[in-house]
Amino acid sequence: ATFVFTVKDSRGNTRTQTVTKTLI
């Protein structure tokens, strides 16, 4: 149920966000 979103920009900066959802 864990999804990791990652974004990188032209200056090499990286941002990561983890989202956990309820699975059925």
PDB file of all heavy atoms in Angstrom:
ATOM      1  N   ALA A   1       0.813  -1.216   0.000  1.00  0.00           N
ATOM      2  CA  ALA A   1       0.000   0.000   0.000  1.00  0.00           C
ATOM      3  C   ALA A   1       0.845   1.265   0.000  1.00  0.00           C
ATOM      4  O   ALA A   1       0.339   2.357   0.152  1.00  0.00           O
ATOM      5  CB  ALA A   1      -0.915  -0.011   1.227  1.00  0.00           C
ATOM      6  N   THR A   2       2.155   1.129  -0.194  1.00  0.00           N
ATOM      7  CA  THR A   2       3.056   2.276  -0.134  1.00  0.00           C
ATOM      8  C   THR A   2       3.508   2.669  -1.537  1.00  0.00           C
ATOM      9  O   THR A   2       4.012   1.841  -2.287  1.00  0.00           O
ATOM     10  CB  THR A   2       4.281   1.944   0.737  1.00  0.00           C
ATOM     11  OG1 THR A   2       3.826   1.576   2.038  1.00  0.00           O
ATOM     12  CG2 THR A   2       5.206   3.142   0.858  1.00  0.00           C
ATOM     13  N   PHE A   3       3.319   3.945  -1.858  1.00  0.00           N
ATOM     14  CA  PHE A   3       3.722   4.504  -3.147  1.00  0.00           C
ATOM     15  C   PHE A   3       4.732   5.619  -2.870  1.00  0.00           C
ATOM     16  O   PHE A   3       4.509   6.463  -2.006  1.00  0.00           O
ATOM     17  CB  PHE A   3       2.516   5.087  -3.896  1.00  0.00           C
ATOM     18  CG  PHE A   3       1.481   4.059  -4.237  1.00  0.00           C
ATOM     19  CD1 PHE A   3       0.497   3.710  -3.322  1.00  0.00           C
ATOM     20  CD2 PHE A   3       1.492   3.430  -5.470  1.00  0.00           C
ATOM     21  CE1 PHE A   3      -0.455   2.760  -3.626  1.00  0.00           C
ATOM     22  CE2 PHE A   3       0.536   2.480  -5.783  1.00  0.00           C
ATOM     23  CZ  PHE A   3      -0.435   2.143  -4.853  1.00  0.00           C
ATOM     24  N   VAL A   4       5.844   5.609  -3.594  1.00  0.00           N
ATOM     25  CA  VAL A   4       6.882   6.622  -3.412  1.00  0.00           C
ATOM     26  C   VAL A   4       6.963   7.451  -4.687  1.00  0.00           C
ATOM     27  O   VAL A   4       7.255   6.930  -5.769  1.00  0.00           O
ATOM     28  CB  VAL A   4       8.252   5.979  -3.099  1.00  0.00           C
ATOM     29  CG1 VAL A   4       9.304   7.060  -2.919  1.00  0.00           C
ATOM     30  CG2 VAL A   4       8.153   5.103  -1.853  1.00  0.00           C
ATOM     31  N   PHE A   5       6.702   8.756  -4.556  1.00  0.00           N
ATOM     32  CA  PHE A   5       6.741   9.689  -5.676  1.00  0.00           C
ATOM     33  C   PHE A   5       8.050  10.475  -5.582  1.00  0.00           C
ATOM     34  O   PHE A   5       8.386  11.009  -4.519  1.00  0.00           O
ATOM     35  CB  PHE A   5       5.562  10.662  -5.596  1.00  0.00           C
ATOM     36  CG  PHE A   5       4.221   9.993  -5.715  1.00  0.00           C
ATOM     37  CD1 PHE A   5       3.617   9.398  -4.615  1.00  0.00           C
ATOM     38  CD2 PHE A   5       3.568   9.959  -6.929  1.00  0.00           C
ATOM     39  CE1 PHE A   5       2.388   8.778  -4.715  1.00  0.00           C
ATOM     40  CE2 PHE A   5       2.334   9.342  -7.046  1.00  0.00           C
ATOM     41  CZ  PHE A   5       1.747   8.750  -5.939  1.00  0.00           C
ATOM     42  N   THR A   6       8.790  10.554  -6.696  1.00  0.00           N
ATOM     43  CA  THR A   6      10.065  11.263  -6.705  1.00  0.00           C
ATOM     44  C   THR A   6      10.106  12.222  -7.895  1.00  0.00           C
ATOM     45  O   THR A   6       9.741  11.842  -9.010  1.00  0.00           O
ATOM     46  CB  THR A   6      11.242  10.271  -6.799  1.00  0.00           C
ATOM     47  OG1 THR A   6      11.148   9.345  -5.716  1.00  0.00           O
ATOM     48  CG2 THR A   6      12.578  10.994  -6.735  1.00  0.00           C
ATOM     49  N   VAL A   7      10.565  13.443  -7.631  1.00  0.00           N
ATOM     50  CA  VAL A   7      10.713  14.465  -8.672  1.00  0.00           C
ATOM     51  C   VAL A   7      12.112  15.044  -8.571  1.00  0.00           C
ATOM     52  O   VAL A   7      12.610  15.308  -7.479  1.00  0.00           O
ATOM     53  CB  VAL A   7       9.666  15.591  -8.493  1.00  0.00           C
ATOM     54  CG1 VAL A   7       9.867  16.685  -9.527  1.00  0.00           C
ATOM     55  CG2 VAL A   7       8.260  15.045  -8.578  1.00  0.00           C
ATOM     56  N   LYS A   8      12.738  15.237  -9.724  1.00  0.00           N
ATOM     57  CA  LYS A   8      14.079  15.831  -9.765  1.00  0.00           C
ATOM     58  C   LYS A   8      14.048  17.032 -10.701  1.00  0.00           C
ATOM     59  O   LYS A   8      13.410  16.977 -11.759  1.00  0.00           O
ATOM     60  CB  LYS A   8      15.103  14.793 -10.258  1.00  0.00           C
ATOM     61  CG  LYS A   8      16.528  15.270 -10.197  1.00  0.00           C
ATOM     62  CD  LYS A   8      17.492  14.151 -10.570  1.00  0.00           C
ATOM     63  CE  LYS A   8      18.919  14.610 -10.443  1.00  0.00           C
ATOM     64  NZ  LYS A   8      19.864  13.539 -10.774  1.00  0.00           N
ATOM     65  N   ASP A   9      14.760  18.108 -10.321  1.00  0.00           N
ATOM     66  CA  ASP A   9      14.786  19.291 -11.184  1.00  0.00           C
ATOM     67  C   ASP A   9      16.147  19.461 -11.854  1.00  0.00           C
ATOM     68  O   ASP A   9      17.079  18.692 -11.607  1.00  0.00           O
ATOM     69  CB  ASP A   9      14.355  20.552 -10.420  1.00  0.00           C
ATOM     70  CG  ASP A   9      15.368  21.045  -9.404  1.00  0.00           C
ATOM     71  OD1 ASP A   9      16.524  20.597  -9.415  1.00  0.00           O
ATOM     72  OD2 ASP A   9      14.990  21.909  -8.582  1.00  0.00           O
ATOM     73  N   SER A  10      16.242  20.475 -12.709  1.00  0.00           N
ATOM     74  CA  SER A  10      17.445  20.696 -13.511  1.00  0.00           C
ATOM     75  C   SER A  10      18.654  21.104 -12.672  1.00  0.00           C
ATOM     76  O   SER A  10      19.779  21.053 -13.154  1.00  0.00           O
ATOM     77  CB  SER A  10      17.174  21.766 -14.573  1.00  0.00           C
ATOM     78  OG  SER A  10      16.742  22.971 -13.954  1.00  0.00           O
ATOM     79  N   ARG A  11      18.459  21.463 -11.438  1.00  0.00           N
ATOM     80  CA  ARG A  11      19.575  21.814 -10.556  1.00  0.00           C
ATOM     81  C   ARG A  11      20.018  20.631  -9.703  1.00  0.00           C
ATOM     82  O   ARG A  11      20.877  20.764  -8.859  1.00  0.00           O
ATOM     83  CB  ARG A  11      19.185  22.980  -9.663  1.00  0.00           C
ATOM     84  CG  ARG A  11      18.920  24.241 -10.452  1.00  0.00           C
ATOM     85  CD  ARG A  11      18.557  25.368  -9.545  1.00  0.00           C
ATOM     86  NE  ARG A  11      18.239  26.541 -10.354  1.00  0.00           N
ATOM     87  CZ  ARG A  11      18.018  27.727  -9.869  1.00  0.00           C
ATOM     88  NH1 ARG A  11      18.091  27.928  -8.574  1.00  0.00           N
ATOM     89  NH2 ARG A  11      17.726  28.717 -10.667  1.00  0.00           N
ATOM     90  N   GLY A  12      19.403  19.471  -9.925  1.00  0.00           N
ATOM     91  CA  GLY A  12      19.782  18.277  -9.174  1.00  0.00           C
ATOM     92  C   GLY A  12      19.040  18.086  -7.863  1.00  0.00           C
ATOM     93  O   GLY A  12      19.308  17.150  -7.123  1.00  0.00           O
ATOM     94  N   ASN A  13      18.115  19.004  -7.559  1.00  0.00           N
ATOM     95  CA  ASN A  13      17.320  18.859  -6.337  1.00  0.00           C
ATOM     96  C   ASN A  13      16.292  17.751  -6.517  1.00  0.00           C
ATOM     97  O   ASN A  13      15.673  17.634  -7.572  1.00  0.00           O
ATOM     98  CB  ASN A  13      16.608  20.168  -5.991  1.00  0.00           C
ATOM     99  CG  ASN A  13      17.587  21.291  -5.733  1.00  0.00           C
ATOM    100  OD1 ASN A  13      18.536  21.127  -4.983  1.00  0.00           O
ATOM    101  ND2 ASN A  13      17.372  22.426  -6.386  1.00  0.00           N
ATOM    102  N   THR A  14      16.115  16.944  -5.487  1.00  0.00           N
ATOM    103  CA  THR A  14      15.170  15.837  -5.533  1.00  0.00           C
ATOM    104  C   THR A  14      14.201  15.968  -4.375  1.00  0.00           C
ATOM    105  O   THR A  14      14.591  16.273  -3.252  1.00  0.00           O
ATOM    106  CB  THR A  14      15.902  14.481  -5.427  1.00  0.00           C
ATOM    107  OG1 THR A  14      16.835  14.387  -6.505  1.00  0.00           O
ATOM    108  CG2 THR A  14      14.935  13.324  -5.508  1.00  0.00           C
ATOM    109  N   ARG A  15      12.928  15.735  -4.655  1.00  0.00           N
ATOM    110  CA  ARG A  15      11.903  15.716  -3.614  1.00  0.00           C
ATOM    111  C   ARG A  15      11.193  14.379  -3.698  1.00  0.00           C
ATOM    112  O   ARG A  15      10.788  13.940  -4.774  1.00  0.00           O
ATOM    113  CB  ARG A  15      10.910  16.850  -3.784  1.00  0.00           C
ATOM    114  CG  ARG A  15       9.842  16.831  -2.700  1.00  0.00           C
ATOM    115  CD  ARG A  15       8.953  18.038  -2.767  1.00  0.00           C
ATOM    116  NE  ARG A  15       7.931  17.915  -1.723  1.00  0.00           N
ATOM    117  CZ  ARG A  15       6.742  18.440  -1.814  1.00  0.00           C
ATOM    118  NH1 ARG A  15       6.407  19.135  -2.878  1.00  0.00           N
ATOM    119  NH2 ARG A  15       5.873  18.291  -0.838  1.00  0.00           N
ATOM    120  N   THR A  16      11.033  13.744  -2.555  1.00  0.00           N
ATOM    121  CA  THR A  16      10.362  12.454  -2.484  1.00  0.00           C
ATOM    122  C   THR A  16       9.219  12.540  -1.491  1.00  0.00           C
ATOM    123  O   THR A  16       9.369  13.142  -0.422  1.00  0.00           O
ATOM    124  CB  THR A  16      11.347  11.350  -2.045  1.00  0.00           C
ATOM    125  OG1 THR A  16      12.404  11.297  -2.994  1.00  0.00           O
ATOM    126  CG2 THR A  16      10.674   9.998  -1.983  1.00  0.00           C
ATOM    127  N   GLN A  17       8.085  11.956  -1.858  1.00  0.00           N
ATOM    128  CA  GLN A  17       6.944  11.903  -0.955  1.00  0.00           C
ATOM    129  C   GLN A  17       6.397  10.482  -0.958  1.00  0.00           C
ATOM    130  O   GLN A  17       6.200   9.892  -2.015  1.00  0.00           O
ATOM    131  CB  GLN A  17       5.857  12.884  -1.371  1.00  0.00           C
ATOM    132  CG  GLN A  17       4.683  12.920  -0.417  1.00  0.00           C
ATOM    133  CD  GLN A  17       3.697  14.030  -0.756  1.00  0.00           C
ATOM    134  OE1 GLN A  17       3.895  14.799  -1.695  1.00  0.00           O
ATOM    135  NE2 GLN A  17       2.632  14.109  -0.004  1.00  0.00           N
ATOM    136  N   THR A  18       6.162   9.944   0.224  1.00  0.00           N
ATOM    137  CA  THR A  18       5.615   8.602   0.357  1.00  0.00           C
ATOM    138  C   THR A  18       4.158   8.694   0.765  1.00  0.00           C
ATOM    139  O   THR A  18       3.796   9.431   1.687  1.00  0.00           O
ATOM    140  CB  THR A  18       6.398   7.803   1.422  1.00  0.00           C
ATOM    141  OG1 THR A  18       7.776   7.752   1.020  1.00  0.00           O
ATOM    142  CG2 THR A  18       5.859   6.393   1.563  1.00  0.00           C
ATOM    143  N   VAL A  19       3.313   7.948   0.056  1.00  0.00           N
ATOM    144  CA  VAL A  19       1.878   7.919   0.331  1.00  0.00           C
ATOM    145  C   VAL A  19       1.491   6.471   0.598  1.00  0.00           C
ATOM    146  O   VAL A  19       1.833   5.581  -0.177  1.00  0.00           O
ATOM    147  CB  VAL A  19       1.068   8.471  -0.862  1.00  0.00           C
ATOM    148  CG1 VAL A  19      -0.421   8.357  -0.611  1.00  0.00           C
ATOM    149  CG2 VAL A  19       1.465   9.910  -1.152  1.00  0.00           C
ATOM    150  N   THR A  20       0.785   6.251   1.709  1.00  0.00           N
ATOM    151  CA  THR A  20       0.309   4.914   2.033  1.00  0.00           C
ATOM    152  C   THR A  20      -1.212   4.906   1.992  1.00  0.00           C
ATOM    153  O   THR A  20      -1.857   5.757   2.601  1.00  0.00           O
ATOM    154  CB  THR A  20       0.811   4.482   3.429  1.00  0.00           C
ATOM    155  OG1 THR A  20       2.234   4.531   3.425  1.00  0.00           O
ATOM    156  CG2 THR A  20       0.362   3.075   3.753  1.00  0.00           C
ATOM    157  N   LYS A  21      -1.769   3.963   1.260  1.00  0.00           N
ATOM    158  CA  LYS A  21      -3.219   3.841   1.093  1.00  0.00           C
ATOM    159  C   LYS A  21      -3.709   2.548   1.727  1.00  0.00           C
ATOM    160  O   LYS A  21      -2.937   1.625   1.975  1.00  0.00           O
ATOM    161  CB  LYS A  21      -3.592   3.852  -0.401  1.00  0.00           C
ATOM    162  CG  LYS A  21      -3.307   5.152  -1.091  1.00  0.00           C
ATOM    163  CD  LYS A  21      -4.217   6.216  -0.544  1.00  0.00           C
ATOM    164  CE  LYS A  21      -4.125   7.514  -1.309  1.00  0.00           C
ATOM    165  NZ  LYS A  21      -5.060   8.496  -0.811  1.00  0.00           N
ATOM    166  N   THR A  22      -4.999   2.483   1.968  1.00  0.00           N
ATOM    167  CA  THR A  22      -5.610   1.264   2.484  1.00  0.00           C
ATOM    168  C   THR A  22      -5.969   0.366   1.318  1.00  0.00           C
ATOM    169  O   THR A  22      -6.637   0.803   0.377  1.00  0.00           O
ATOM    170  CB  THR A  22      -6.878   1.599   3.290  1.00  0.00           C
ATOM    171  OG1 THR A  22      -6.505   2.470   4.363  1.00  0.00           O
ATOM    172  CG2 THR A  22      -7.519   0.343   3.844  1.00  0.00           C
ATOM    173  N   LEU A  23      -5.516  -0.873   1.360  1.00  0.00           N
ATOM    174  CA  LEU A  23      -5.848  -1.837   0.314  1.00  0.00           C
ATOM    175  C   LEU A  23      -7.028  -2.685   0.756  1.00  0.00           C
ATOM    176  O   LEU A  23      -7.199  -2.967   1.939  1.00  0.00           O
ATOM    177  CB  LEU A  23      -4.654  -2.748   0.021  1.00  0.00           C
ATOM    178  CG  LEU A  23      -3.396  -2.084  -0.512  1.00  0.00           C
ATOM    179  CD1 LEU A  23      -2.329  -3.140  -0.766  1.00  0.00           C
ATOM    180  CD2 LEU A  23      -3.679  -1.311  -1.786  1.00  0.00           C
ATOM    181  N   ILE A  24      -7.831  -3.091  -0.183  1.00  0.00           N
ATOM    182  CA  ILE A  24      -8.970  -3.969   0.077  1.00  0.00           C
ATOM    183  C   ILE A  24      -8.631  -5.336  -0.487  1.00  0.00           C
ATOM    184  O   ILE A  24      -8.353  -5.475  -1.676  1.00  0.00           O
ATOM    185  CB  ILE A  24     -10.252  -3.420  -0.587  1.00  0.00           C
ATOM    186  CG1 ILE A  24     -10.566  -2.039  -0.011  1.00  0.00           C
ATOM    187  CG2 ILE A  24     -11.403  -4.385  -0.388  1.00  0.00           C
ATOM    188  CD1 ILE A  24     -11.679  -1.318  -0.735  1.00  0.00           C
TER     189      ILE A  24
END
